[in-house]
C-alpha atoms as a PDB file:
ATOM      1  CA  UNK A   1      12.338   2.447  12.108  1.00  0.00           C
ATOM      2  CA  UNK A   2       9.398   0.993  10.218  1.00  0.00           C
ATOM      3  CA  UNK A   3       8.144   1.230   6.657  1.00  0.00           C
ATOM      4  CA  UNK A   4       4.489   1.674   5.729  1.00  0.00           C
ATOM      5  CA  UNK A   5       2.900   0.061   2.678  1.00  0.00           C
ATOM      6  CA  UNK A   6      -0.171   1.542   1.001  1.00  0.00           C
ATOM      7  CA  UNK A   7      -2.572   0.144  -1.592  1.00  0.00           C
ATOM      8  CA  UNK A   8      -4.330   3.258  -2.939  1.00  0.00           C
ATOM      9  CA  UNK A   9      -7.714   2.656  -4.520  1.00  0.00           C
ATOM     10  CA  UNK A  10     -10.647   4.763  -5.616  1.00  0.00           C
ATOM     11  CA  UNK A  11     -12.651   4.093  -2.426  1.00  0.00           C
ATOM     12  CA  UNK A  12     -10.144   2.577  -0.017  1.00  0.00           C
ATOM     13  CA  UNK A  13      -6.515   2.665   1.055  1.00  0.00           C
ATOM     14  CA  UNK A  14      -5.082  -0.573   2.400  1.00  0.00           C
ATOM     15  CA  UNK A  15      -2.412   0.001   5.047  1.00  0.00           C
ATOM     16  CA  UNK A  16       0.404  -2.283   6.163  1.00  0.00           C
ATOM     17  CA  UNK A  17       3.489  -1.733   8.297  1.00  0.00           C
ATOM     18  CA  UNK A  18       6.792  -3.534   8.662  1.00  0.00           C
ATOM     19  CA  UNK A  19       8.230  -4.909  11.853  1.00  0.00           C
ATOM     20  CA  UNK A  20      11.073  -2.883  13.375  1.00  0.00           C
ATOM     21  CA  UNK A  21      13.678  -5.210  11.821  1.00  0.00           C
ATOM     22  CA  UNK A  22      12.256  -4.544   8.323  1.00  0.00           C
ATOM     23  CA  UNK A  23      11.723  -8.260   7.665  1.00  0.00           C
ATOM     24  CA  UNK A  24       7.964  -8.791   7.628  1.00  0.00           C
ATOM     25  CA  UNK A  25       4.883  -6.813   6.644  1.00  0.00           C
ATOM     26  CA  UNK A  26       1.609  -6.925   8.542  1.00  0.00           C
ATOM     27  CA  UNK A  27      -1.700  -5.579   7.288  1.00  0.00           C
ATOM     28  CA  UNK A  28      -3.078  -2.909   9.630  1.00  0.00           C
ATOM     29  CA  UNK A  29      -6.344  -1.557   8.349  1.00  0.00           C
ATOM     30  CA  UNK A  30      -8.401  -0.297   5.443  1.00  0.00           C
ATOM     31  CA  UNK A  31      -9.140   3.416   5.297  1.00  0.00           C
ATOM     32  CA  UNK A  32     -12.486   3.946   3.549  1.00  0.00           C
ATOM     33  CA  UNK A  33     -13.286   7.120   1.636  1.00  0.00           C
ATOM     34  CA  UNK A  34     -16.736   8.439   0.795  1.00  0.00           C
ATOM     35  CA  UNK A  35     -15.582  10.257  -2.341  1.00  0.00           C
ATOM     36  CA  UNK A  36     -12.562   9.603  -4.515  1.00  0.00           C
ATOM     37  CA  UNK A  37     -11.482  13.253  -4.594  1.00  0.00           C
ATOM     38  CA  UNK A  38     -11.680  13.702  -0.793  1.00  0.00           C
ATOM     39  CA  UNK A  39      -8.346  12.845   0.837  1.00  0.00           C
ATOM     40  CA  UNK A  40      -8.090  15.046   3.937  1.00  0.00           C
ATOM     41  CA  UNK A  41      -9.305  12.395   6.414  1.00  0.00           C
ATOM     42  CA  UNK A  42      -7.329   9.686   4.637  1.00  0.00           C
ATOM     43  CA  UNK A  43      -4.097  11.682   4.902  1.00  0.00           C
ATOM     44  CA  UNK A  44      -4.843  12.559   8.531  1.00  0.00           C
ATOM     45  CA  UNK A  45      -5.316   8.872   9.407  1.00  0.00           C
ATOM     46  CA  UNK A  46      -2.100   7.930   7.608  1.00  0.00           C
ATOM     47  CA  UNK A  47      -0.283  10.630   9.613  1.00  0.00           C
ATOM     48  CA  UNK A  48      -1.667   9.181  12.860  1.00  0.00           C
ATOM     49  CA  UNK A  49      -0.405   5.720  11.911  1.00  0.00           C
ATOM     50  CA  UNK A  50       3.006   7.120  10.915  1.00  0.00           C
ATOM     51  CA  UNK A  51       3.389   8.625  14.382  1.00  0.00           C
ATOM     52  CA  UNK A  52       2.037   5.570  16.193  1.00  0.00           C
ATOM     53  CA  UNK A  53       4.334   3.113  14.386  1.00  0.00           C
ATOM     54  CA  UNK A  54       7.326   5.453  13.987  1.00  0.00           C
ATOM     55  CA  UNK A  55       7.318   5.106  10.210  1.00  0.00           C
ATOM     56  CA  UNK A  56      10.218   6.665   8.299  1.00  0.00           C
ATOM     57  CA  UNK A  57       9.416   5.611   4.738  1.00  0.00           C
ATOM     58  CA  UNK A  58       6.301   4.819   2.696  1.00  0.00           C
ATOM     59  CA  UNK A  59       5.894   2.314  -0.127  1.00  0.00           C
ATOM     60  CA  UNK A  60       2.951   3.079  -2.393  1.00  0.00           C
ATOM     61  CA  UNK A  61       1.596   0.540  -4.860  1.00  0.00           C
ATOM     62  CA  UNK A  62       1.926   1.620  -8.495  1.00  0.00           C
ATOM     63  CA  UNK A  63      -1.092   0.273 -10.424  1.00  0.00           C
ATOM     64  CA  UNK A  64       0.419  -0.381 -13.852  1.00  0.00           C
ATOM     65  CA  UNK A  65      -1.574  -2.267 -16.449  1.00  0.00           C
ATOM     66  CA  UNK A  66      -0.593  -5.887 -17.043  1.00  0.00           C
ATOM     67  CA  UNK A  67       1.256  -4.862 -20.235  1.00  0.00           C
ATOM     68  CA  UNK A  68       3.308  -2.355 -18.140  1.00  0.00           C
ATOM     69  CA  UNK A  69       1.536   0.712 -19.560  1.00  0.00           C
ATOM     70  CA  UNK A  70       0.340   3.463 -17.266  1.00  0.00           C
ATOM     71  CA  UNK A  71      -3.286   4.505 -17.183  1.00  0.00           C
ATOM     72  CA  UNK A  72      -5.470   6.951 -15.267  1.00  0.00           C
ATOM     73  CA  UNK A  73      -4.994   5.092 -11.949  1.00  0.00           C
ATOM     74  CA  UNK A  74      -1.225   5.629 -12.169  1.00  0.00           C
ATOM     75  CA  UNK A  75      -1.769   9.360 -12.647  1.00  0.00           C
ATOM     76  CA  UNK A  76      -4.098   9.531  -9.615  1.00  0.00           C
ATOM     77  CA  UNK A  77      -1.631   7.493  -7.552  1.00  0.00           C
ATOM     78  CA  UNK A  78       1.226   9.840  -8.510  1.00  0.00           C
ATOM     79  CA  UNK A  79      -0.896  12.799  -7.341  1.00  0.00           C
ATOM     80  CA  UNK A  80      -1.566  10.976  -4.068  1.00  0.00           C
ATOM     81  CA  UNK A  81       2.192  10.332  -3.689  1.00  0.00           C
ATOM     82  CA  UNK A  82       2.901  14.052  -4.044  1.00  0.00           C
ATOM     83  CA  UNK A  83       0.296  14.889  -1.386  1.00  0.00           C
ATOM     84  CA  UNK A  84       1.725  12.235   0.937  1.00  0.00           C
ATOM     85  CA  UNK A  85       5.260  13.583   0.567  1.00  0.00           C
ATOM     86  CA  UNK A  86       4.164  17.183   1.142  1.00  0.00           C
ATOM     87  CA  UNK A  87       2.008  16.345   4.146  1.00  0.00           C
ATOM     88  CA  UNK A  88       4.275  13.818   5.892  1.00  0.00           C
ATOM     89  CA  UNK A  89       7.750  14.927   4.797  1.00  0.00           C
ATOM     90  CA  UNK A  90       8.619  11.241   4.302  1.00  0.00           C
ATOM     91  CA  UNK A  91      10.058   9.645   1.178  1.00  0.00           C
ATOM     92  CA  UNK A  92       7.460   7.708  -0.830  1.00  0.00           C
ATOM     93  CA  UNK A  93       8.714   4.854  -3.008  1.00  0.00           C
ATOM     94  CA  UNK A  94       6.483   3.663  -5.854  1.00  0.00           C
ATOM     95  CA  UNK A  95       6.269  -0.145  -6.103  1.00  0.00           C
ATOM     96  CA  UNK A  96       4.733  -2.203  -8.911  1.00  0.00           C
ATOM     97  CA  UNK A  97       1.561  -3.725  -7.503  1.00  0.00           C
ATOM     98  CA  UNK A  98       0.485  -5.867 -10.441  1.00  0.00           C
ATOM     99  CA  UNK A  99      -1.263  -9.040  -9.281  1.00  0.00           C
ATOM    100  CA  UNK A 100      -1.199  -8.167  -5.568  1.00  0.00           C
ATOM    101  CA  UNK A 101      -5.000  -8.042  -5.377  1.00  0.00           C
ATOM    102  CA  UNK A 102      -5.175 -11.386  -7.215  1.00  0.00           C
ATOM    103  CA  UNK A 103      -2.619 -12.863  -4.791  1.00  0.00           C
ATOM    104  CA  UNK A 104      -4.526 -11.447  -1.820  1.00  0.00           C
ATOM    105  CA  UNK A 105      -7.768 -12.953  -3.078  1.00  0.00           C
ATOM    106  CA  UNK A 106      -6.088 -16.317  -3.640  1.00  0.00           C
ATOM    107  CA  UNK A 107      -4.651 -16.282  -0.120  1.00  0.00           C
ATOM    108  CA  UNK A 108      -8.100 -15.608   1.324  1.00  0.00           C
ATOM    109  CA  UNK A 109      -9.629 -18.436  -0.702  1.00  0.00           C
ATOM    110  CA  UNK A 110      -6.941 -20.791   0.591  1.00  0.00           C
ATOM    111  CA  UNK A 111      -7.640 -19.564   4.134  1.00  0.00           C
ATOM    112  CA  UNK A 112     -11.329 -20.375   3.691  1.00  0.00           C
ATOM    113  CA  UNK A 113     -12.602 -16.813   3.920  1.00  0.00           C
ATOM    114  CA  UNK A 114     -16.059 -16.601   2.390  1.00  0.00           C
ATOM    115  CA  UNK A 115     -16.502 -14.541  -0.771  1.00  0.00           C
ATOM    116  CA  UNK A 116     -18.748 -11.946   0.876  1.00  0.00           C
ATOM    117  CA  UNK A 117     -16.115 -11.307   3.606  1.00  0.00           C
ATOM    118  CA  UNK A 118     -13.098 -11.032   1.274  1.00  0.00           C
ATOM    119  CA  UNK A 119     -13.758  -7.392   0.383  1.00  0.00           C
ATOM    120  CA  UNK A 120     -13.292  -6.592   4.076  1.00  0.00           C
ATOM    121  CA  UNK A 121      -9.662  -7.751   3.909  1.00  0.00           C
ATOM    122  CA  UNK A 122      -8.373  -7.601   0.332  1.00  0.00           C
ATOM    123  CA  UNK A 123      -6.912  -4.068   0.380  1.00  0.00           C
ATOM    124  CA  UNK A 124      -5.128  -4.613   3.702  1.00  0.00           C
ATOM    125  CA  UNK A 125      -3.636  -7.887   2.434  1.00  0.00           C
ATOM    126  CA  UNK A 126      -2.665  -6.263  -0.883  1.00  0.00           C
ATOM    127  CA  UNK A 127      -0.863  -3.485   1.057  1.00  0.00           C
ATOM    128  CA  UNK A 128       1.021  -6.135   3.028  1.00  0.00           C
ATOM    129  CA  UNK A 129       2.018  -7.910  -0.205  1.00  0.00           C
ATOM    130  CA  UNK A 130       3.237  -4.650  -1.760  1.00  0.00           C
ATOM    131  CA  UNK A 131       5.295  -3.887   1.334  1.00  0.00           C
ATOM    132  CA  UNK A 132       6.619  -7.441   1.651  1.00  0.00           C
ATOM    133  CA  UNK A 133       7.821  -7.359  -1.964  1.00  0.00           C
ATOM    134  CA  UNK A 134       9.671  -4.128  -1.249  1.00  0.00           C
ATOM    135  CA  UNK A 135      11.161  -5.465   1.996  1.00  0.00           C
ATOM    136  CA  UNK A 136      12.340  -8.641   0.262  1.00  0.00           C
ATOM    137  CA  UNK A 137      13.982  -6.654  -2.524  1.00  0.00           C
ATOM    138  CA  UNK A 138      15.485  -4.230  -0.009  1.00  0.00           C
ATOM    139  CA  UNK A 139      17.009  -7.060   2.014  1.00  0.00           C
ATOM    140  CA  UNK A 140      18.820  -8.145  -1.143  1.00  0.00           C
ATOM    141  CA  UNK A 141      20.296  -4.671  -1.604  1.00  0.00           C
ATOM    142  CA  UNK A 142      17.969  -3.565  -4.398  1.00  0.00           C
ATOM    143  CA  UNK A 143      15.760  -0.652  -3.412  1.00  0.00           C
ATOM    144  CA  UNK A 144      15.321   0.976  -6.799  1.00  0.00           C
ATOM    145  CA  UNK A 145      11.830   1.551  -8.171  1.00  0.00           C
ATOM    146  CA  UNK A 146      10.437  -1.693  -9.556  1.00  0.00           C
ATOM    147  CA  UNK A 147       9.828  -1.702 -13.334  1.00  0.00           C
END
């Protein structure tokens, strides 16, 4: 069994997957979309990865505002969650993603990745951070939706 982590954005979806022991998260890829309202290819690619990695659960980043309010992005992410559940039949857990992009950017700076190359990795790293947070919480017996 593996768990998939997703960072859903307006133009990209960062994808990460856990190891089979559910201890670590690894960034896999970034799925790029031409239009925000076009999800067919994105969902098809996610399905391919689910089969390839034998995924049984999905963790989807919940983009709350820093003050914990929910804006338009949360609504779009909830709609994406519903489509994912219908299409894959897998449970989708929403996970607070505040500051994951900032943490991903900081990690790339520390790794010496040039500014112009960071956009090529940030969503994949953010997905891995979302998933790793969930895995860490899960290993401590707390799998409820993060507030």
